[in-house]
Amino acid sequence: MRVSENLNAALHEVMAAADDLYLLGEDVADPYGGAFKITRGLSTRFPGRVLSTPISESAITGVAAGLALSGDAAIVEIMFGDFAALAFDQIMNFAAKSVSMYGSRVPMRMIVRCPVGGGRGYGPTHSQSLQKHFVGIPGLSLYEMSPFHDNLAVLTDMLLRQEPCVLFEDKVLYTRPMHAVPAPFSVSVADGVATVSLDAEPDCVIVATGGTAHRALAAMRSLLFEEEIVCTLLVPSRLYPFDVAMPYARHVFVVEESSAGGTWGAEVAHQVHRRHWERLAGPVTLVHSADSVIPTAAHLEDEVLVSESAIHRVIRETLRG
């Protein structure tokens, strides 16, 4: 099953399980089924609860927050995650604050889905990874889709939190198979964290977002065969708040596609430093995209986005000095 098929099936399941759950977004109804076909079949199966909206991310998100505030639940599809910036006020100042600003906790079952990331030649305004801009908002949880986490479990967890959540979906994952890892690695999932490892003590731990996991895996494989460096990869489903048990390792790397500066990785590094400084050989190392807009031309886009070769190089240079 491809990741997109798994996500579509998960949406069908959660919609079937709750008759007060609505889905809103631009062109989400059949026969189009969304820009990436993730909502295909939903409006046919659940007429009246899947609503194609005008082009206004702020209005879509505001309506969803209103539904959540009144006791219903809502899932919003932002056609391209870049335009979640237009919904930022509704997410930060309305939805996230509504959980706690009325004197007692108010359930806010609301999910904002954001297709993000480059690698498809969509250019500066349709290729960004905006996770870092949502880190640290009280009452808002951040998740990222991965090929290792079943999307039904992820969506269910978000709805059970009864607080607004943002789900980042790296577009390059949609066509990738679920649960696939290259030999000789194996994957296990527990407490919302996928661990990809060998049956050996690692030289380093890599913490990566779901959209960069395949690049981290490719780097792990080349590091193993070319440098005899053993890595363990952790891929959390919930990015923020970050609470992941770290296996013992003297070197930790954080990989993400966000541009440099004020990133989710910096928050992870802070948490790891605070909890595990006494056992680390040095600071947590961040591996991310360049401080740049994302070009449309493929060869220039490759230079900007975090890559397998960059991950390999940074880990090799850090461990080999």
Protein backbone atom coordinates (compact mmCIF):
# COMPACT_ATOMS: atom_id res chain seq x y z
CA MET A 1 0.00 0.00 0.00
CA ARG A 2 1.24 3.45 -0.87
CA VAL A 3 1.31 6.18 1.77
CA SER A 4 -1.42 8.13 -0.06
CA GLU A 5 -3.67 5.04 -0.13
CA ASN A 6 -3.07 4.46 3.57
CA LEU A 7 -3.98 8.08 4.36
CA ASN A 8 -7.11 7.95 2.20
CA ALA A 9 -8.22 4.72 3.89
CA ALA A 10 -7.57 6.30 7.30
CA LEU A 11 -9.76 9.29 6.45
CA HIS A 12 -12.54 6.93 5.39
CA GLU A 13 -12.23 5.09 8.71
CA VAL A 14 -12.32 8.15 10.96
CA MET A 15 -15.21 9.66 9.00
CA ALA A 16 -17.16 6.42 9.31
CA ALA A 17 -16.48 6.23 13.06
CA ALA A 18 -17.74 9.75 13.87
CA ASP A 19 -20.85 11.25 12.28
CA ASP A 20 -19.95 14.67 13.71
CA LEU A 21 -16.65 14.84 11.81
CA TYR A 22 -16.45 17.17 8.80
CA LEU A 23 -13.77 17.58 6.14
CA LEU A 24 -13.22 20.93 4.43
CA GLY A 25 -10.89 22.15 1.73
CA GLU A 26 -10.45 23.39 -1.80
CA ASP A 27 -11.59 20.90 -4.47
CA VAL A 28 -11.78 18.01 -1.98
CA ALA A 29 -15.09 16.67 -3.33
CA ASP A 30 -15.39 13.97 -6.01
CA PRO A 31 -14.59 13.52 -8.79
CA TYR A 32 -11.44 15.61 -8.19
CA GLY A 33 -10.72 14.37 -4.68
CA GLY A 34 -8.11 16.97 -3.78
CA ALA A 35 -4.95 18.11 -5.52
CA PHE A 36 -3.15 14.92 -4.44
CA LYS A 37 -6.27 12.68 -4.50
CA ILE A 38 -6.13 12.07 -0.76
CA THR A 39 -9.85 12.79 -0.27
CA ARG A 40 -11.02 10.63 -3.16
CA GLY A 41 -14.34 8.89 -2.48
CA LEU A 42 -15.10 10.72 0.74
CA SER A 43 -17.77 13.13 -0.55
CA THR A 44 -19.55 10.27 -2.32
CA ARG A 45 -19.58 8.16 0.84
CA PHE A 46 -20.29 11.01 3.27
CA PRO A 47 -22.44 13.58 1.44
CA GLY A 48 -22.99 16.74 3.42
CA ARG A 49 -19.89 16.23 5.56
CA VAL A 50 -17.20 16.79 2.91
CA LEU A 51 -17.29 20.41 1.83
CA SER A 52 -15.40 21.95 -1.09
CA THR A 53 -14.73 25.56 -0.18
CA PRO A 54 -13.78 28.85 -1.82
CA ILE A 55 -10.08 29.73 -2.00
CA SER A 56 -9.61 31.25 1.44
CA GLU A 57 -7.39 29.33 3.85
CA SER A 58 -8.28 31.68 6.69
CA ALA A 59 -12.01 31.17 6.16
CA ILE A 60 -11.69 27.38 5.83
CA THR A 61 -9.70 27.11 9.05
CA GLY A 62 -11.98 29.54 10.87
CA VAL A 63 -15.06 27.52 9.96
CA ALA A 64 -13.32 24.32 11.10
CA ALA A 65 -12.36 25.94 14.41
CA GLY A 66 -15.96 27.08 14.84
CA LEU A 67 -17.20 23.55 14.27
CA ALA A 68 -14.70 22.24 16.82
CA LEU A 69 -15.63 24.93 19.34
CA SER A 70 -19.33 24.01 19.03
CA GLY A 71 -18.62 20.34 19.78
CA ASP A 72 -18.17 18.83 16.33
CA ALA A 73 -14.85 17.78 14.78
CA ALA A 74 -13.19 19.00 11.60
CA ILE A 75 -10.33 18.12 9.28
CA VAL A 76 -9.00 20.86 7.01
CA GLU A 77 -6.98 20.19 3.87
CA ILE A 78 -4.70 23.09 2.92
CA MET A 79 -4.05 22.37 -0.75
CA PHE A 80 -0.38 23.36 -0.41
CA GLY A 81 0.99 23.69 3.11
CA ASP A 82 2.76 26.93 2.17
CA PHE A 83 -0.62 28.66 2.39
CA ALA A 84 -1.14 27.66 6.01
CA ALA A 85 0.52 31.04 6.54
CA LEU A 86 -2.81 32.57 5.48
CA ALA A 87 -4.54 30.53 8.21
CA PHE A 88 -1.94 31.27 10.90
CA ASP A 89 -4.11 33.75 12.78
CA GLN A 90 -7.03 31.31 12.95
CA ILE A 91 -4.76 28.49 14.13
CA MET A 92 -2.72 30.46 16.68
CA ASN A 93 -5.13 33.12 17.97
CA PHE A 94 -8.44 31.28 17.70
CA ALA A 95 -8.14 27.49 17.59
CA ALA A 96 -5.13 26.86 19.84
CA LYS A 97 -6.18 29.44 22.44
CA SER A 98 -9.80 28.24 22.55
CA VAL A 99 -8.70 25.08 24.33
CA SER A 100 -7.94 26.98 27.54
CA MET A 101 -8.92 30.66 27.46
CA TYR A 102 -12.57 30.34 28.49
CA GLY A 103 -11.97 29.42 32.13
CA SER A 104 -12.14 25.64 31.69
CA ARG A 105 -10.74 23.26 29.13
CA VAL A 106 -12.74 23.20 25.89
CA PRO A 107 -12.36 20.18 23.60
CA MET A 108 -11.17 21.32 20.16
CA ARG A 109 -11.12 18.33 17.81
CA MET A 110 -9.50 19.84 14.76
CA ILE A 111 -6.81 18.69 12.34
CA VAL A 112 -5.15 20.88 9.71
CA ARG A 113 -3.52 18.78 6.98
CA CYS A 114 -0.61 20.46 5.17
CA PRO A 115 1.10 18.90 2.13
CA VAL A 116 4.66 20.25 2.35
CA GLY A 117 8.17 19.82 1.00
CA GLY A 118 10.15 20.11 -2.18
CA GLY A 119 11.58 17.63 -4.63
CA ARG A 120 8.82 18.03 -7.19
CA GLY A 121 9.83 21.25 -8.93
CA TYR A 122 6.92 23.32 -7.62
CA GLY A 123 9.06 26.35 -6.86
CA PRO A 124 9.49 28.83 -3.99
CA THR A 125 5.83 29.20 -2.92
CA HIS A 126 4.67 25.56 -3.21
CA SER A 127 7.64 23.60 -1.82
CA GLN A 128 8.31 24.82 1.71
CA SER A 129 8.38 22.93 4.98
CA LEU A 130 6.86 25.32 7.51
CA GLN A 131 7.00 23.15 10.63
CA LYS A 132 9.31 25.54 12.46
CA HIS A 133 6.78 28.38 12.28
CA PHE A 134 4.25 26.43 14.37
CA VAL A 135 6.60 25.14 17.09
CA GLY A 136 5.90 26.43 20.59
CA ILE A 137 2.26 27.53 20.25
CA PRO A 138 0.45 26.56 23.48
CA GLY A 139 -2.44 24.18 22.84
CA LEU A 140 -1.21 23.14 19.37
CA SER A 141 0.29 19.73 18.59
CA LEU A 142 2.38 19.08 15.48
CA TYR A 143 2.58 15.75 13.68
CA GLU A 144 4.28 14.57 10.50
CA MET A 145 3.25 11.74 8.21
CA SER A 146 5.78 8.97 7.65
CA PRO A 147 5.92 5.67 5.77
CA PHE A 148 6.24 3.84 9.11
CA HIS A 149 3.18 5.15 10.98
CA ASP A 150 -0.29 3.89 10.11
CA ASN A 151 -2.32 7.01 9.40
CA LEU A 152 -5.45 5.67 11.09
CA ALA A 153 -3.55 5.46 14.38
CA VAL A 154 -2.13 8.96 13.85
CA LEU A 155 -5.47 10.59 13.01
CA THR A 156 -7.17 8.79 15.89
CA ASP A 157 -4.49 9.99 18.30
CA MET A 158 -4.90 13.58 17.12
CA LEU A 159 -8.67 13.53 17.52
CA LEU A 160 -8.43 11.95 20.97
CA ARG A 161 -6.16 14.80 22.12
CA GLN A 162 -9.13 17.15 21.76
CA GLU A 163 -6.86 20.01 20.82
CA PRO A 164 -5.94 21.53 17.44
CA CYS A 165 -3.29 19.56 15.56
CA VAL A 166 -1.35 20.18 12.36
CA LEU A 167 -0.39 17.17 10.23
CA PHE A 168 2.49 17.85 7.85
CA GLU A 169 2.53 15.52 4.84
CA ASP A 170 5.69 15.55 2.73
CA LYS A 171 4.44 15.30 -0.85
CA VAL A 172 7.27 13.02 -1.96
CA LEU A 173 5.91 10.34 0.37
CA TYR A 174 2.51 9.99 -1.27
CA THR A 175 3.72 7.50 -3.88
CA ARG A 176 6.11 5.61 -1.59
CA PRO A 177 5.24 2.20 -0.11
CA MET A 178 4.34 1.84 3.54
CA HIS A 179 6.76 0.18 6.00
CA ALA A 180 9.58 -0.35 3.45
CA VAL A 181 13.17 -0.29 4.75
CA PRO A 182 16.34 -1.32 2.90
CA ALA A 183 18.32 -4.36 3.99
CA PRO A 184 19.91 -4.95 6.46
CA PHE A 185 17.77 -2.65 8.63
CA SER A 186 14.52 -3.47 10.42
CA VAL A 187 11.78 -1.18 11.71
CA SER A 188 9.62 -1.23 14.82
CA VAL A 189 7.02 1.26 16.07
CA ALA A 190 6.24 1.95 19.72
CA ASP A 191 4.72 4.94 21.52
CA GLY A 192 4.41 6.87 18.29
CA VAL A 193 8.10 6.55 17.36
CA ALA A 194 9.44 4.42 14.52
CA THR A 195 12.91 2.99 15.15
CA VAL A 196 15.00 1.76 12.23
CA SER A 197 18.12 -0.04 13.34
CA LEU A 198 20.54 -2.94 13.18
CA ASP A 199 20.97 -5.52 15.92
CA ALA A 200 24.09 -3.68 17.09
CA GLU A 201 25.04 -0.78 19.34
CA PRO A 202 24.86 2.40 17.26
CA ASP A 203 27.67 4.88 16.77
CA CYS A 204 25.07 7.61 16.47
CA VAL A 205 21.34 8.31 16.61
CA ILE A 206 19.52 10.20 13.87
CA VAL A 207 16.21 11.90 14.66
CA ALA A 208 14.39 12.73 11.43
CA THR A 209 11.02 13.98 10.28
CA GLY A 210 8.91 11.54 8.28
CA GLY A 211 9.52 13.31 5.00
CA THR A 212 13.31 13.07 5.34
CA ALA A 213 13.39 9.50 6.70
CA HIS A 214 14.07 7.88 3.31
CA ARG A 215 17.07 10.19 2.79
CA ALA A 216 18.37 9.43 6.27
CA LEU A 217 17.94 5.70 5.59
CA ALA A 218 19.90 5.91 2.35
CA ALA A 219 22.68 7.77 4.18
CA MET A 220 22.66 5.16 6.97
CA ARG A 221 23.13 2.40 4.43
CA SER A 222 26.04 4.08 2.67
CA LEU A 223 27.66 4.98 6.01
CA LEU A 224 27.41 1.35 7.10
CA PHE A 225 28.91 -0.15 3.94
CA GLU A 226 31.47 2.56 3.16
CA GLU A 227 32.51 3.78 6.62
CA GLU A 228 31.38 0.98 8.97
CA ILE A 229 29.35 3.56 10.92
CA VAL A 230 26.24 2.12 12.56
CA CYS A 231 23.26 4.45 12.92
CA THR A 232 19.86 4.15 14.56
CA LEU A 233 17.05 6.25 13.10
CA LEU A 234 14.14 7.62 15.17
CA VAL A 235 11.10 8.98 13.32
CA PRO A 236 8.52 10.48 15.71
CA SER A 237 4.93 10.82 14.60
CA ARG A 238 4.36 13.74 16.97
CA LEU A 239 6.94 16.45 16.37
CA TYR A 240 5.86 18.87 19.08
CA PRO A 241 5.72 18.73 22.01
CA PHE A 242 8.80 16.50 21.57
CA ASP A 243 9.02 13.61 24.02
CA VAL A 244 11.07 10.70 22.67
CA ALA A 245 13.11 8.18 24.64
CA MET A 246 16.65 8.26 23.25
CA PRO A 247 18.75 5.10 22.97
CA TYR A 248 22.29 5.40 24.28
CA ALA A 249 24.62 7.09 21.82
CA ARG A 250 27.40 9.65 22.11
CA HIS A 251 26.42 11.45 18.91
CA VAL A 252 22.95 12.68 17.92
CA PHE A 253 21.92 14.23 14.59
CA VAL A 254 18.60 15.86 13.72
CA VAL A 255 17.50 15.88 10.07
CA GLU A 256 14.70 18.05 8.68
CA GLU A 257 13.83 19.80 5.43
CA SER A 258 13.03 23.21 6.93
CA SER A 259 15.34 26.03 5.95
CA ALA A 260 18.09 27.00 8.39
CA GLY A 261 17.32 29.08 11.47
CA GLY A 262 14.92 28.65 14.39
CA THR A 263 13.94 25.13 13.42
CA TRP A 264 12.14 22.17 14.97
CA GLY A 265 15.57 20.51 15.04
CA ALA A 266 16.88 23.27 17.29
CA GLU A 267 14.05 22.51 19.74
CA VAL A 268 14.92 18.80 19.65
CA ALA A 269 18.60 19.63 20.22
CA HIS A 270 17.66 21.71 23.25
CA GLN A 271 15.62 18.83 24.71
CA VAL A 272 18.36 16.26 24.06
CA HIS A 273 21.06 18.56 25.49
CA ARG A 274 19.03 19.16 28.64
CA ARG A 275 18.30 15.47 29.24
CA HIS A 276 21.42 13.69 27.99
CA TRP A 277 24.33 16.15 27.99
CA GLU A 278 26.46 14.06 30.35
CA ARG A 279 26.62 11.16 27.90
CA LEU A 280 27.12 13.11 24.65
CA ALA A 281 30.51 13.52 23.04
CA GLY A 282 29.51 16.90 21.66
CA PRO A 283 26.59 19.11 20.72
CA VAL A 284 23.62 17.71 18.80
CA THR A 285 24.26 18.33 15.10
CA LEU A 286 21.53 19.81 12.90
CA VAL A 287 21.19 18.83 9.24
CA HIS A 288 18.68 20.91 7.29
CA SER A 289 18.07 22.72 4.03
CA ALA A 290 19.90 25.89 3.06
CA ASP A 291 18.83 29.36 4.18
CA SER A 292 17.22 30.00 0.82
CA VAL A 293 14.01 30.00 -1.16
CA ILE A 294 13.44 26.74 -3.02
CA PRO A 295 14.17 27.04 -6.76
CA THR A 296 12.00 25.45 -9.44
CA ALA A 297 14.90 24.17 -11.56
CA ALA A 298 15.73 20.62 -10.47
CA HIS A 299 19.51 21.06 -10.28
CA LEU A 300 19.16 24.20 -8.16
CA GLU A 301 16.47 22.65 -5.96
CA ASP A 302 18.86 19.76 -5.26
CA GLU A 303 21.48 22.22 -4.02
CA VAL A 304 19.06 23.83 -1.54
CA LEU A 305 17.16 20.86 -0.07
CA VAL A 306 18.69 18.54 2.52
CA SER A 307 19.96 15.44 0.72
CA GLU A 308 21.20 11.91 1.35
CA SER A 309 24.74 13.01 0.47
CA ALA A 310 24.61 15.95 2.92
CA ILE A 311 23.45 13.68 5.74
CA HIS A 312 26.21 11.17 4.91
CA ARG A 313 28.87 13.89 4.77
CA VAL A 314 27.90 15.60 8.03
CA ILE A 315 27.77 12.34 9.99
CA ARG A 316 31.06 11.07 8.52
CA GLU A 317 32.89 14.33 9.20
CA THR A 318 31.54 14.58 12.74
CA LEU A 319 32.39 11.02 13.73
CA ARG A 320 35.70 10.80 11.85
CA GLY A 321 36.87 14.28 12.78
